[in-house]
Amino acid sequence: MSAFVVALLGAESTGKTTLAGQIAVALAGRGVAVEVVAEVLREFCDAHARTPRRDEQAAIAAAQTARIDAAAACADVVVADTTALMIAVYSDQVFDDTSLYRAAEQAQRGCTATLLTALDLAWQADGHQRDGPHVREPVDAKVRAALRRAGVAYSVVGGVGPARLAAALSCVERALDPPRPDPDAPSCHSVCARCGEADCERHLLPGRVLR
């Protein structure tokens, strides 16, 4: 991939699709050539009026990665409304199938900025696409675990409405123009004793980076 790729990850009903569109509009308004990559899983569910079987998961994950790669070949910035990593997580959550993680984690390393949407939005039903609020915390935990295994830094984005967008844009802007490293800064990125747990982020600050 040659473009700057912003990847949105997160449990269901945490605003990924809405946020992806808002980020794209904001960047386009600044004259950036930006393309949004839609979620293949959503299209599958809409087309088949059901969720995918276990044997269909790998193809959906591969299609998601292929779309991101294709968009990255022609746009300056790509905003991906999820990546193959979310397919791997749901395959694990629903089918106890961990076989998709390796390829998904490798693909995730190619993304420039990874944003994880926080669990601070109320859950909303969405047809065949969503299982229920009870799956959000276990899915969130699996996403974080996969990112840690992959060695991918991520920013947790929270807040409601304009605040959520502002937090996301802050993360994107910092990744687009990263500050010079401070040789005197501590190497530890911990914020609190429970850093990385969803319960720590009910009142998170915009752009907090977890590693």
Protein backbone atom coordinates (compact mmCIF):
# COMPACT_ATOMS: atom_id res chain seq x y z
CA MET A 1 0.00 0.00 0.00
CA SER A 2 1.28 3.47 -0.89
CA ALA A 3 -1.44 5.69 0.58
CA PHE A 4 -1.98 6.82 4.14
CA VAL A 5 -4.49 4.26 5.44
CA VAL A 6 -6.73 5.01 8.41
CA ALA A 7 -8.28 1.78 9.72
CA LEU A 8 -11.33 1.87 11.98
CA LEU A 9 -11.82 -1.10 14.29
CA GLY A 10 -14.30 -1.69 17.07
CA ALA A 11 -17.17 -3.75 18.37
CA GLU A 12 -20.60 -3.47 16.81
CA SER A 13 -22.60 -0.29 17.24
CA THR A 14 -19.60 1.85 18.15
CA GLY A 15 -19.97 4.24 15.22
CA LYS A 16 -17.31 3.00 12.79
CA THR A 17 -19.29 3.57 9.59
CA THR A 18 -20.51 7.01 10.62
CA LEU A 19 -17.06 8.04 11.76
CA ALA A 20 -15.39 6.81 8.57
CA GLY A 21 -17.66 8.99 6.47
CA GLN A 22 -17.14 12.01 8.71
CA ILE A 23 -13.35 11.67 8.62
CA ALA A 24 -13.42 11.43 4.85
CA VAL A 25 -15.61 14.53 4.49
CA ALA A 26 -13.37 16.50 6.85
CA LEU A 27 -10.19 15.53 4.99
CA ALA A 28 -11.75 16.11 1.56
CA GLY A 29 -12.72 19.58 2.73
CA ARG A 30 -9.02 20.26 3.18
CA GLY A 31 -8.26 19.27 -0.38
CA VAL A 32 -7.09 15.74 0.38
CA ALA A 33 -7.83 12.98 -2.16
CA VAL A 34 -9.58 10.52 0.11
CA GLU A 35 -11.48 7.28 -0.48
CA VAL A 36 -13.67 5.36 1.95
CA VAL A 37 -13.54 1.57 1.81
CA ALA A 38 -16.90 0.09 2.79
CA GLU A 39 -17.39 -2.97 4.95
CA VAL A 40 -17.62 -6.17 2.91
CA LEU A 41 -19.35 -8.02 5.76
CA ARG A 42 -22.21 -5.53 5.81
CA GLU A 43 -22.73 -5.95 2.08
CA PHE A 44 -22.72 -9.73 2.48
CA CYS A 45 -25.36 -9.59 5.22
CA ASP A 46 -27.54 -7.25 3.20
CA ALA A 47 -27.25 -9.36 0.05
CA HIS A 48 -27.88 -12.74 1.72
CA ALA A 49 -30.16 -11.63 4.58
CA ARG A 50 -27.99 -13.59 7.01
CA THR A 51 -24.58 -13.60 8.62
CA PRO A 52 -21.82 -15.64 6.97
CA ARG A 53 -21.05 -19.26 7.75
CA ARG A 54 -17.67 -20.25 9.10
CA ASP A 55 -16.48 -21.39 5.68
CA GLU A 56 -17.37 -17.98 4.17
CA GLN A 57 -15.35 -15.88 6.62
CA ALA A 58 -11.94 -16.19 4.96
CA ALA A 59 -13.19 -14.94 1.60
CA ILE A 60 -14.84 -11.92 3.23
CA ALA A 61 -11.63 -11.08 5.11
CA ALA A 62 -9.57 -11.39 1.92
CA ALA A 63 -12.01 -9.20 0.01
CA GLN A 64 -11.78 -6.49 2.69
CA THR A 65 -7.99 -6.44 2.47
CA ALA A 66 -8.09 -6.42 -1.34
CA ARG A 67 -10.41 -3.41 -1.34
CA ILE A 68 -8.12 -1.47 0.95
CA ASP A 69 -5.09 -2.30 -1.18
CA ALA A 70 -6.90 -1.26 -4.37
CA ALA A 71 -7.99 2.05 -2.86
CA ALA A 72 -4.49 2.71 -1.55
CA ALA A 73 -3.14 2.51 -5.08
CA CYS A 74 -5.10 5.54 -6.27
CA ALA A 75 -5.93 7.78 -3.27
CA ASP A 76 -3.76 9.91 -1.00
CA VAL A 77 -5.70 8.84 2.09
CA VAL A 78 -7.84 5.75 2.53
CA VAL A 79 -10.37 5.49 5.36
CA ALA A 80 -11.27 1.85 5.91
CA ASP A 81 -14.59 1.15 7.60
CA THR A 82 -13.07 -1.93 9.27
CA THR A 83 -10.36 -4.36 8.16
CA ALA A 84 -9.88 -8.12 7.95
CA LEU A 85 -8.96 -8.06 11.63
CA MET A 86 -12.61 -7.58 12.58
CA ILE A 87 -13.58 -10.60 10.47
CA ALA A 88 -10.92 -12.64 12.26
CA VAL A 89 -12.21 -11.49 15.63
CA TYR A 90 -15.82 -12.36 14.84
CA SER A 91 -14.76 -15.72 13.42
CA ASP A 92 -13.07 -16.35 16.76
CA GLN A 93 -16.02 -15.01 18.76
CA VAL A 94 -18.76 -16.88 16.89
CA PHE A 95 -17.06 -20.03 15.61
CA ASP A 96 -14.02 -20.42 17.92
CA ASP A 97 -11.97 -20.21 14.72
CA THR A 98 -8.62 -18.47 15.16
CA SER A 99 -7.25 -19.39 11.73
CA LEU A 100 -7.83 -15.92 10.22
CA TYR A 101 -5.75 -13.96 12.70
CA ARG A 102 -2.34 -14.44 11.11
CA ALA A 103 -3.20 -12.94 7.73
CA ALA A 104 -5.41 -10.26 9.28
CA GLU A 105 -2.74 -9.13 11.72
CA GLN A 106 -0.19 -8.96 8.91
CA ALA A 107 -2.54 -6.80 6.84
CA GLN A 108 -3.20 -4.56 9.84
CA ARG A 109 0.50 -3.78 10.12
CA GLY A 110 0.25 -2.16 6.70
CA CYS A 111 -2.24 0.44 7.92
CA THR A 112 -0.77 3.81 8.84
CA ALA A 113 -3.16 4.66 11.67
CA THR A 114 -5.48 2.33 13.57
CA LEU A 115 -8.41 3.84 15.45
CA LEU A 116 -10.37 1.75 17.96
CA THR A 117 -13.88 3.04 18.64
CA ALA A 118 -14.74 3.05 22.34
CA LEU A 119 -17.76 1.37 23.93
CA ASP A 120 -19.28 4.64 25.12
CA LEU A 121 -22.15 4.74 22.57
CA ALA A 122 -25.50 3.09 23.23
CA TRP A 123 -26.00 -0.18 21.34
CA GLN A 124 -28.49 -0.06 18.46
CA ALA A 125 -29.96 -2.92 16.44
CA ASP A 126 -29.03 -3.20 12.76
CA GLY A 127 -30.80 -6.19 11.21
CA HIS A 128 -28.63 -9.25 10.59
CA GLN A 129 -25.45 -7.29 11.19
CA ARG A 130 -25.48 -7.19 15.00
CA ASP A 131 -25.69 -9.84 17.71
CA GLY A 132 -26.46 -7.74 20.79
CA PRO A 133 -24.80 -5.54 23.40
CA HIS A 134 -23.48 -8.57 25.30
CA VAL A 135 -20.85 -9.26 22.62
CA ARG A 136 -19.29 -5.80 22.60
CA GLU A 137 -16.91 -6.19 25.53
CA PRO A 138 -15.60 -9.64 24.54
CA VAL A 139 -15.12 -8.46 20.95
CA ASP A 140 -13.36 -5.32 22.15
CA ALA A 141 -11.01 -7.46 24.25
CA LYS A 142 -10.21 -9.72 21.31
CA VAL A 143 -9.45 -6.74 19.05
CA ARG A 144 -7.03 -5.32 21.60
CA ALA A 145 -5.36 -8.69 22.08
CA ALA A 146 -4.90 -9.09 18.32
CA LEU A 147 -3.41 -5.62 17.99
CA ARG A 148 -0.98 -6.36 20.81
CA ARG A 149 0.08 -9.61 19.14
CA ALA A 150 0.58 -7.79 15.86
CA GLY A 151 2.57 -5.01 17.51
CA VAL A 152 0.19 -2.40 16.10
CA ALA A 153 -0.19 0.86 18.02
CA TYR A 154 -3.75 2.15 18.15
CA SER A 155 -5.68 5.18 19.35
CA VAL A 156 -8.93 4.79 21.27
CA VAL A 157 -11.57 7.23 20.03
CA GLY A 158 -14.48 8.15 22.28
CA GLY A 159 -17.02 10.89 22.77
CA VAL A 160 -20.39 11.66 21.26
CA GLY A 161 -21.11 13.49 18.01
CA PRO A 162 -18.61 16.27 17.17
CA ALA A 163 -16.40 15.25 20.10
CA ARG A 164 -15.92 11.77 18.63
CA LEU A 165 -15.00 13.18 15.24
CA ALA A 166 -12.63 15.71 16.81
CA ALA A 167 -10.88 12.92 18.73
CA ALA A 168 -10.52 10.85 15.55
CA LEU A 169 -9.20 13.77 13.50
CA SER A 170 -6.70 14.56 16.23
CA CYS A 171 -5.32 11.03 15.93
CA VAL A 172 -5.23 11.18 12.14
CA GLU A 173 -3.54 14.58 12.07
CA ARG A 174 -0.89 13.44 14.54
CA ALA A 175 -0.18 10.39 12.37
CA LEU A 176 -0.04 12.51 9.21
CA ASP A 177 2.44 14.90 10.82
CA PRO A 178 4.03 13.05 13.75
CA PRO A 179 6.02 15.10 16.26
CA ARG A 180 9.74 14.59 16.47
CA PRO A 181 10.60 12.02 19.15
CA ASP A 182 11.72 13.42 22.48
CA PRO A 183 14.86 11.57 23.59
CA ASP A 184 14.09 12.49 27.20
CA ALA A 185 10.52 11.15 27.11
CA PRO A 186 9.83 7.95 29.06
CA SER A 187 9.52 4.82 26.94
CA CYS A 188 6.46 3.57 28.81
CA HIS A 189 3.10 4.62 27.33
CA SER A 190 0.98 3.50 30.28
CA VAL A 191 -1.68 5.88 31.51
CA CYS A 192 -2.94 3.96 34.52
CA ALA A 193 -2.59 0.57 36.18
CA ARG A 194 -5.40 -0.83 34.02
CA CYS A 195 -4.33 0.80 30.75
CA GLY A 196 -5.83 -0.96 27.76
CA GLU A 197 -9.03 -2.09 29.46
CA ALA A 198 -12.33 -0.77 28.16
CA ASP A 199 -13.52 0.15 31.66
CA CYS A 200 -10.71 2.70 31.88
CA GLU A 201 -12.05 4.64 28.91
CA ARG A 202 -15.52 5.79 29.89
CA HIS A 203 -14.15 9.32 30.17
CA LEU A 204 -11.12 9.02 27.94
CA LEU A 205 -9.28 11.96 26.50
CA PRO A 206 -9.23 12.50 22.72
CA GLY A 207 -6.41 10.76 20.97
CA ARG A 208 -5.08 8.66 23.82
CA VAL A 209 -2.59 6.21 22.33
CA LEU A 210 -2.27 2.70 23.67
CA ARG A 211 0.49 0.25 22.85
